Each structure stands twice: as C-alpha cells, then as structure tokens.
C-alpha atoms as a PDB file:
ATOM      1  CA  MET A   1       4.157  -4.362 -13.236  1.00  0.00           C
ATOM      2  CA  THR A   2       5.513  -2.986 -10.004  1.00  0.00           C
ATOM      3  CA  LYS A   3       9.099  -3.185 -11.072  1.00  0.00           C
ATOM      4  CA  GLY A   4      10.343   0.123 -12.139  1.00  0.00           C
ATOM      5  CA  TYR A   5       7.407   1.972 -11.371  1.00  0.00           C
ATOM      6  CA  ALA A   6       7.249   5.347 -11.420  1.00  0.00           C
ATOM      7  CA  TRP A   7       5.003   6.774  -8.292  1.00  0.00           C
ATOM      8  CA  PRO A   8       2.987   9.644  -9.684  1.00  0.00           C
ATOM      9  CA  GLU A   9       4.723  13.169  -8.206  1.00  0.00           C
ATOM     10  CA  PRO A  10       4.234  13.508  -4.476  1.00  0.00           C
ATOM     11  CA  ARG A  11       1.868  16.225  -2.787  1.00  0.00           C
ATOM     12  CA  LYS A  12      -0.075  16.057  -6.249  1.00  0.00           C
ATOM     13  CA  PRO A  13      -3.751  14.187  -6.192  1.00  0.00           C
ATOM     14  CA  VAL A  14      -4.086  11.284  -7.723  1.00  0.00           C
ATOM     15  CA  LYS A  15      -7.162  10.983  -9.718  1.00  0.00           C
ATOM     16  CA  GLY A  16      -9.123   8.745 -12.167  1.00  0.00           C
ATOM     17  CA  GLN A  17      -7.250   6.068 -13.805  1.00  0.00           C
ATOM     18  CA  GLN A  18      -3.831   6.695 -12.362  1.00  0.00           C
ATOM     19  CA  GLN A  19      -5.694   6.207  -9.119  1.00  0.00           C
ATOM     20  CA  LYS A  20      -6.425   2.595 -10.214  1.00  0.00           C
ATOM     21  CA  VAL A  21      -2.932   2.042 -11.338  1.00  0.00           C
ATOM     22  CA  VAL A  22      -1.410   3.327  -8.132  1.00  0.00           C
ATOM     23  CA  ALA A  23      -3.922   0.868  -5.732  1.00  0.00           C
ATOM     24  CA  LYS A  24      -3.221  -2.012  -8.025  1.00  0.00           C
ATOM     25  CA  VAL A  25       0.817  -1.585  -7.480  1.00  0.00           C
ATOM     26  CA  LEU A  26       0.424  -0.720  -3.422  1.00  0.00           C
ATOM     27  CA  LEU A  27      -1.904  -4.270  -3.083  1.00  0.00           C
ATOM     28  CA  ALA A  28       0.782  -6.123  -5.530  1.00  0.00           C
ATOM     29  CA  LYS A  29       3.409  -4.830  -2.932  1.00  0.00           C
ATOM     30  CA  TYR A  30       1.628  -5.056  -0.020  1.00  0.00           C
ATOM     31  CA  ASP A  31       0.523  -8.797  -1.160  1.00  0.00           C
ATOM     32  CA  ALA A  32       4.581  -9.809  -1.835  1.00  0.00           C
ATOM     33  CA  GLY A  33       5.297  -8.372   1.984  1.00  0.00           C
ATOM     34  CA  ALA A  34       5.782  -4.710   1.832  1.00  0.00           C
ATOM     35  CA  SER A  35       4.218  -2.666   4.587  1.00  0.00           C
ATOM     36  CA  ILE A  36       2.352  -0.773   4.496  1.00  0.00           C
ATOM     37  CA  ARG A  37       5.164   2.337   6.385  1.00  0.00           C
ATOM     38  CA  ALA A  38       7.421   0.712   3.636  1.00  0.00           C
ATOM     39  CA  LEU A  39       5.378   1.519   0.653  1.00  0.00           C
ATOM     40  CA  ALA A  40       4.377   5.288   2.170  1.00  0.00           C
ATOM     41  CA  ALA A  41       8.155   5.907   2.339  1.00  0.00           C
ATOM     42  CA  GLU A  42       8.226   3.844  -1.433  1.00  0.00           C
ATOM     43  CA  SER A  43       5.606   5.785  -2.958  1.00  0.00           C
ATOM     44  CA  GLY A  44       6.502   9.623  -1.319  1.00  0.00           C
ATOM     45  CA  ARG A  45       2.838   9.253   0.390  1.00  0.00           C
ATOM     46  CA  SER A  46       1.349   9.217   3.892  1.00  0.00           C
ATOM     47  CA  TYR A  47       0.853   6.429   5.937  1.00  0.00           C
ATOM     48  CA  GLY A  48      -2.609   7.215   6.036  1.00  0.00           C
ATOM     49  CA  TYR A  49      -3.467   7.812   2.452  1.00  0.00           C
ATOM     50  CA  VAL A  50      -1.581   4.068   1.672  1.00  0.00           C
ATOM     51  CA  HIS A  51      -3.432   2.202   4.273  1.00  0.00           C
ATOM     52  CA  ARG A  52      -6.755   3.844   3.478  1.00  0.00           C
ATOM     53  CA  THR A  53      -5.998   2.563  -0.938  1.00  0.00           C
ATOM     54  CA  LEU A  54      -5.291  -0.468   0.477  1.00  0.00           C
ATOM     55  CA  THR A  55      -8.278  -0.865   2.170  1.00  0.00           C
ATOM     56  CA  GLU A  56     -10.977   0.004  -1.214  1.00  0.00           C
ATOM     57  CA  ALA A  57      -8.722  -2.090  -2.960  1.00  0.00           C
ATOM     58  CA  GLY A  58      -9.734  -5.182  -0.929  1.00  0.00           C
ATOM     59  CA  ALA A  59      -6.620  -5.877   1.101  1.00  0.00           C
ATOM     60  CA  VAL A  60      -6.829  -7.955   3.535  1.00  0.00           C
ATOM     61  CA  LEU A  61      -4.478  -6.020   6.465  1.00  0.00           C
ATOM     62  CA  ARG A  62      -2.056  -8.246   8.658  1.00  0.00           C
ATOM     63  CA  THR A  63      -1.814  -7.063  12.205  1.00  0.00           C
ATOM     64  CA  ASN A  64       0.915  -5.892  13.690  1.00  0.00           C
ATOM     65  CA  GLY A  65       3.305  -7.758  15.725  1.00  0.00           C
ATOM     66  CA  GLY A  66       2.918 -10.868  13.096  1.00  0.00           C
ATOM     67  CA  LYS A  67       1.295 -14.065  14.339  1.00  0.00           C
ATOM     68  CA  ARG A  68       0.187 -14.371  18.584  1.00  0.00           C
ATOM     69  CA  ARG A  69       0.631 -17.038  20.678  1.00  0.00           C
ATOM     70  CA  THR A  70      -2.698 -18.669  21.344  1.00  0.00           C
ATOM     71  CA  ALA A  71      -3.669 -19.057  25.001  1.00  0.00           C
ATOM     72  CA  ARG A  72      -1.717 -21.701  27.394  1.00  0.00           C
END
C-alpha cells in the first residue's frame, strides 16, 4: 500500500477520504520505523501536521533519543 504512494500536493488542504488514506500511509510508515521528520520531508507536510495526523490515527509515539537506561 505504501510503496509508490503519490502524496497530495504540498500546501494544498487534505480533506475527507484523502485525509484517511494519508493517515493510514503515515501510520504504516511510522510503525515500520520512519521518523516524524523523515515522513514530513517525504510527504511535503510540516512536522506538526504529521505529528497531529499520527496522534489522531492512534499511533503510539516513540520517545526521542531511543531507549533510556535504567537507574543504577
């Protein structure tokens, strides 16, 4: 589904069914390991748009900096 996806034109509103498709594609790529910044660059959308769309789609967002060490 995500291979060869044609992103909507940047700086144009994404509405309705198209928004649902974009959210599914972003969620699939994020779950596969892509960062929010990488998805923003690839899709031509802002970091905030991608973050909000992932959150609304139900993604469990990763912390930045990777796994934290436990207390000594």
